[in-house]
């Protein structure tokens, strides 16, 4: 877990390091080159990469679920966090 807000300098830096460890150095700069900050904020790009990381883990069969045995809501949907 990252305690710092994604909009704080420390939180942004921690998230950026995780992205670059996974995708490679310059990932945010490359994505930024295609879009202006007016169109999409840095934290939105980092959020999108986090979603891609999770989707990749689901496809590869390496995703984890919290809690291990999730409850279901009134409509039958599992209340879980997948990562």
N, C-alpha and C. Protein backbone atom coordinates (compact mmCIF):
# COMPACT_ATOMS: atom_id res chain seq x y z
N UNK A 1 0.84 -1.19 0.00
CA UNK A 1 0.00 0.00 0.00
C UNK A 1 0.88 1.25 0.00
N UNK A 2 0.44 2.25 -0.71
CA UNK A 2 1.15 3.53 -0.74
C UNK A 2 0.32 4.52 0.07
N UNK A 3 0.90 5.04 1.12
CA UNK A 3 0.17 5.93 2.03
C UNK A 3 -0.02 7.33 1.45
N UNK A 4 0.95 7.79 0.68
CA UNK A 4 0.87 9.14 0.15
C UNK A 4 -0.18 9.23 -0.96
N UNK A 5 -0.85 10.36 -1.01
CA UNK A 5 -1.84 10.62 -2.05
C UNK A 5 -1.19 10.54 -3.43
N UNK A 6 -1.94 10.07 -4.40
CA UNK A 6 -1.40 9.98 -5.75
C UNK A 6 -1.12 11.37 -6.34
N UNK A 7 -1.70 12.41 -5.76
CA UNK A 7 -1.48 13.76 -6.25
C UNK A 7 -0.33 14.47 -5.53
N UNK A 8 0.21 13.86 -4.49
CA UNK A 8 1.35 14.46 -3.78
C UNK A 8 2.64 14.10 -4.51
N UNK A 9 3.67 14.93 -4.37
CA UNK A 9 4.95 14.61 -5.03
C UNK A 9 5.50 13.24 -4.62
N UNK A 10 5.43 12.92 -3.34
CA UNK A 10 5.93 11.62 -2.88
C UNK A 10 5.12 10.46 -3.41
N UNK A 11 3.82 10.60 -3.40
CA UNK A 11 2.95 9.55 -3.92
C UNK A 11 3.12 9.34 -5.41
N UNK A 12 3.25 10.45 -6.13
CA UNK A 12 3.47 10.37 -7.58
C UNK A 12 4.78 9.65 -7.86
N UNK A 13 5.84 10.01 -7.13
CA UNK A 13 7.15 9.41 -7.36
C UNK A 13 7.14 7.91 -7.08
N UNK A 14 6.49 7.50 -6.00
CA UNK A 14 6.42 6.07 -5.68
C UNK A 14 5.68 5.30 -6.77
N UNK A 15 4.58 5.85 -7.23
CA UNK A 15 3.80 5.21 -8.29
C UNK A 15 4.57 5.17 -9.60
N UNK A 16 5.28 6.25 -9.89
CA UNK A 16 6.08 6.29 -11.11
C UNK A 16 7.19 5.24 -11.07
N UNK A 17 7.83 5.07 -9.93
CA UNK A 17 8.88 4.04 -9.81
C UNK A 17 8.31 2.64 -10.06
N UNK A 18 7.12 2.37 -9.54
CA UNK A 18 6.49 1.07 -9.78
C UNK A 18 6.19 0.86 -11.26
N UNK A 19 5.68 1.89 -11.90
CA UNK A 19 5.38 1.82 -13.33
C UNK A 19 6.66 1.57 -14.12
N UNK A 20 7.70 2.33 -13.81
CA UNK A 20 8.95 2.19 -14.56
C UNK A 20 9.63 0.85 -14.29
N UNK A 21 9.47 0.31 -13.08
CA UNK A 21 10.01 -1.02 -12.78
C UNK A 21 9.32 -2.07 -13.65
N UNK A 22 8.03 -1.87 -13.93
CA UNK A 22 7.26 -2.85 -14.70
C UNK A 22 7.40 -2.63 -16.20
N UNK A 23 7.26 -1.40 -16.67
CA UNK A 23 7.23 -1.11 -18.11
C UNK A 23 8.58 -0.62 -18.63
N UNK A 24 9.30 0.10 -17.79
CA UNK A 24 10.59 0.63 -18.22
C UNK A 24 10.66 2.13 -18.01
N UNK A 25 11.88 2.62 -17.93
CA UNK A 25 12.10 4.04 -17.72
C UNK A 25 11.50 4.85 -18.86
N UNK A 26 10.95 5.99 -18.53
CA UNK A 26 10.39 6.88 -19.53
C UNK A 26 8.95 6.57 -19.92
N UNK A 27 8.31 5.63 -19.23
CA UNK A 27 6.94 5.25 -19.59
C UNK A 27 5.97 6.42 -19.50
N UNK A 28 6.05 7.18 -18.41
CA UNK A 28 5.15 8.32 -18.26
C UNK A 28 5.48 9.39 -19.30
N UNK A 29 6.75 9.64 -19.53
CA UNK A 29 7.14 10.66 -20.52
C UNK A 29 6.66 10.27 -21.91
N UNK A 30 6.72 9.00 -22.23
CA UNK A 30 6.25 8.54 -23.55
C UNK A 30 4.74 8.73 -23.68
N UNK A 31 4.02 8.36 -22.63
CA UNK A 31 2.57 8.56 -22.65
C UNK A 31 2.23 10.05 -22.66
N UNK A 32 2.97 10.82 -21.92
CA UNK A 32 2.76 12.27 -21.84
C UNK A 32 2.97 12.94 -23.19
N UNK A 33 3.90 12.42 -23.99
CA UNK A 33 4.20 13.00 -25.30
C UNK A 33 3.00 12.95 -26.23
N UNK A 34 2.07 12.03 -25.97
CA UNK A 34 0.90 11.86 -26.83
C UNK A 34 -0.30 12.69 -26.38
N UNK A 35 -0.29 13.18 -25.14
CA UNK A 35 -1.45 13.89 -24.58
C UNK A 35 -0.98 15.08 -23.76
N UNK A 36 -1.73 16.16 -23.81
CA UNK A 36 -1.40 17.33 -22.99
C UNK A 36 -1.93 17.13 -21.58
N UNK A 37 -1.35 17.86 -20.62
CA UNK A 37 -1.84 17.79 -19.24
C UNK A 37 -3.26 18.31 -19.14
N UNK A 38 -3.66 19.14 -20.08
CA UNK A 38 -5.05 19.63 -20.10
C UNK A 38 -6.01 18.48 -20.42
N UNK A 39 -5.55 17.55 -21.25
CA UNK A 39 -6.39 16.41 -21.64
C UNK A 39 -6.38 15.27 -20.63
N UNK A 40 -5.22 15.03 -20.02
CA UNK A 40 -5.10 13.92 -19.07
C UNK A 40 -3.98 14.23 -18.07
N UNK A 41 -4.28 14.05 -16.80
CA UNK A 41 -3.30 14.32 -15.74
C UNK A 41 -2.34 13.14 -15.59
N UNK A 42 -1.16 13.41 -15.06
CA UNK A 42 -0.18 12.35 -14.82
C UNK A 42 -0.76 11.23 -13.97
N UNK A 43 -1.51 11.59 -12.92
CA UNK A 43 -2.05 10.54 -12.04
C UNK A 43 -3.07 9.68 -12.78
N UNK A 44 -3.75 10.23 -13.78
CA UNK A 44 -4.68 9.42 -14.58
C UNK A 44 -3.92 8.41 -15.44
N UNK A 45 -2.78 8.82 -15.98
CA UNK A 45 -1.95 7.90 -16.75
C UNK A 45 -1.43 6.78 -15.85
N UNK A 46 -0.95 7.14 -14.67
CA UNK A 46 -0.46 6.13 -13.74
C UNK A 46 -1.58 5.19 -13.29
N UNK A 47 -2.80 5.72 -13.11
CA UNK A 47 -3.95 4.86 -12.78
C UNK A 47 -4.24 3.88 -13.91
N UNK A 48 -4.15 4.35 -15.14
CA UNK A 48 -4.40 3.48 -16.29
C UNK A 48 -3.37 2.35 -16.36
N UNK A 49 -2.12 2.68 -16.05
CA UNK A 49 -1.07 1.64 -16.04
C UNK A 49 -1.35 0.63 -14.92
N UNK A 50 -1.81 1.11 -13.77
CA UNK A 50 -2.15 0.19 -12.67
C UNK A 50 -3.27 -0.75 -13.09
N UNK A 51 -4.26 -0.24 -13.81
CA UNK A 51 -5.35 -1.09 -14.30
C UNK A 51 -4.82 -2.10 -15.31
N UNK A 52 -3.90 -1.68 -16.17
CA UNK A 52 -3.29 -2.60 -17.13
C UNK A 52 -2.48 -3.68 -16.43
N UNK A 53 -1.75 -3.29 -15.37
CA UNK A 53 -0.98 -4.27 -14.59
C UNK A 53 -1.91 -5.34 -14.01
N UNK A 54 -3.02 -4.88 -13.44
CA UNK A 54 -3.98 -5.83 -12.86
C UNK A 54 -4.59 -6.72 -13.94
N UNK A 55 -4.98 -6.13 -15.06
CA UNK A 55 -5.56 -6.92 -16.16
C UNK A 55 -4.56 -7.97 -16.65
N UNK A 56 -3.30 -7.61 -16.74
CA UNK A 56 -2.27 -8.55 -17.17
C UNK A 56 -2.16 -9.70 -16.19
N UNK A 57 -2.22 -9.40 -14.90
CA UNK A 57 -2.15 -10.45 -13.88
C UNK A 57 -3.38 -11.37 -13.95
N UNK A 58 -4.54 -10.81 -14.25
CA UNK A 58 -5.75 -11.64 -14.39
C UNK A 58 -5.58 -12.59 -15.57
N UNK A 59 -5.15 -12.07 -16.71
CA UNK A 59 -4.97 -12.89 -17.91
C UNK A 59 -3.91 -13.97 -17.69
N UNK A 60 -2.83 -13.62 -16.99
CA UNK A 60 -1.75 -14.58 -16.73
C UNK A 60 -2.07 -15.57 -15.62
N UNK A 61 -3.17 -15.36 -14.92
CA UNK A 61 -3.53 -16.25 -13.82
C UNK A 61 -2.75 -16.01 -12.54
N UNK A 62 -2.14 -14.83 -12.41
CA UNK A 62 -1.35 -14.53 -11.22
C UNK A 62 -2.01 -13.50 -10.30
N UNK A 63 -3.21 -13.06 -10.66
CA UNK A 63 -3.91 -12.06 -9.84
C UNK A 63 -4.30 -12.67 -8.49
N UNK A 64 -4.39 -11.81 -7.51
CA UNK A 64 -4.83 -12.23 -6.17
C UNK A 64 -6.10 -11.48 -5.83
N UNK A 65 -6.83 -12.00 -4.87
CA UNK A 65 -8.12 -11.42 -4.49
C UNK A 65 -8.14 -11.19 -2.98
N UNK A 66 -8.66 -10.04 -2.58
CA UNK A 66 -8.89 -9.73 -1.17
C UNK A 66 -10.37 -9.46 -0.96
N UNK A 67 -10.98 -10.02 0.03
CA UNK A 67 -10.47 -11.14 0.82
C UNK A 67 -10.43 -12.42 -0.01
N UNK A 68 -9.73 -13.42 0.49
CA UNK A 68 -9.60 -14.67 -0.28
C UNK A 68 -10.95 -15.30 -0.57
N UNK A 69 -11.88 -15.17 0.36
CA UNK A 69 -13.25 -15.65 0.13
C UNK A 69 -14.17 -14.44 0.24
N UNK A 70 -14.47 -13.80 -0.88
CA UNK A 70 -15.25 -12.55 -0.83
C UNK A 70 -16.73 -12.79 -0.52
N UNK A 71 -17.30 -11.80 0.13
CA UNK A 71 -18.74 -11.79 0.35
C UNK A 71 -19.42 -11.36 -0.95
N UNK A 72 -20.71 -11.53 -1.03
CA UNK A 72 -21.46 -11.04 -2.19
C UNK A 72 -22.44 -9.98 -1.73
N UNK A 73 -22.74 -9.04 -2.64
CA UNK A 73 -23.70 -7.99 -2.29
C UNK A 73 -25.12 -8.48 -2.56
N UNK A 74 -26.09 -7.59 -2.40
CA UNK A 74 -27.50 -7.95 -2.54
C UNK A 74 -27.85 -8.41 -3.95
N UNK A 75 -27.03 -8.05 -4.94
CA UNK A 75 -27.30 -8.45 -6.32
C UNK A 75 -26.52 -9.69 -6.73
N UNK A 76 -25.70 -10.23 -5.80
CA UNK A 76 -24.93 -11.43 -6.08
C UNK A 76 -23.51 -11.16 -6.59
N UNK A 77 -23.12 -9.90 -6.69
CA UNK A 77 -21.77 -9.57 -7.12
C UNK A 77 -20.78 -9.76 -5.97
N UNK A 78 -19.61 -10.31 -6.29
CA UNK A 78 -18.60 -10.49 -5.27
C UNK A 78 -18.00 -9.15 -4.90
N UNK A 79 -17.84 -8.92 -3.61
CA UNK A 79 -17.21 -7.70 -3.10
C UNK A 79 -15.75 -8.04 -2.83
N UNK A 80 -14.91 -7.70 -3.80
CA UNK A 80 -13.52 -8.10 -3.74
C UNK A 80 -12.64 -7.05 -4.38
N UNK A 81 -11.37 -7.11 -4.02
CA UNK A 81 -10.34 -6.30 -4.67
C UNK A 81 -9.44 -7.29 -5.39
N UNK A 82 -9.24 -7.06 -6.67
CA UNK A 82 -8.37 -7.93 -7.47
C UNK A 82 -7.10 -7.16 -7.78
N UNK A 83 -5.95 -7.79 -7.54
CA UNK A 83 -4.67 -7.14 -7.83
C UNK A 83 -3.66 -8.14 -8.33
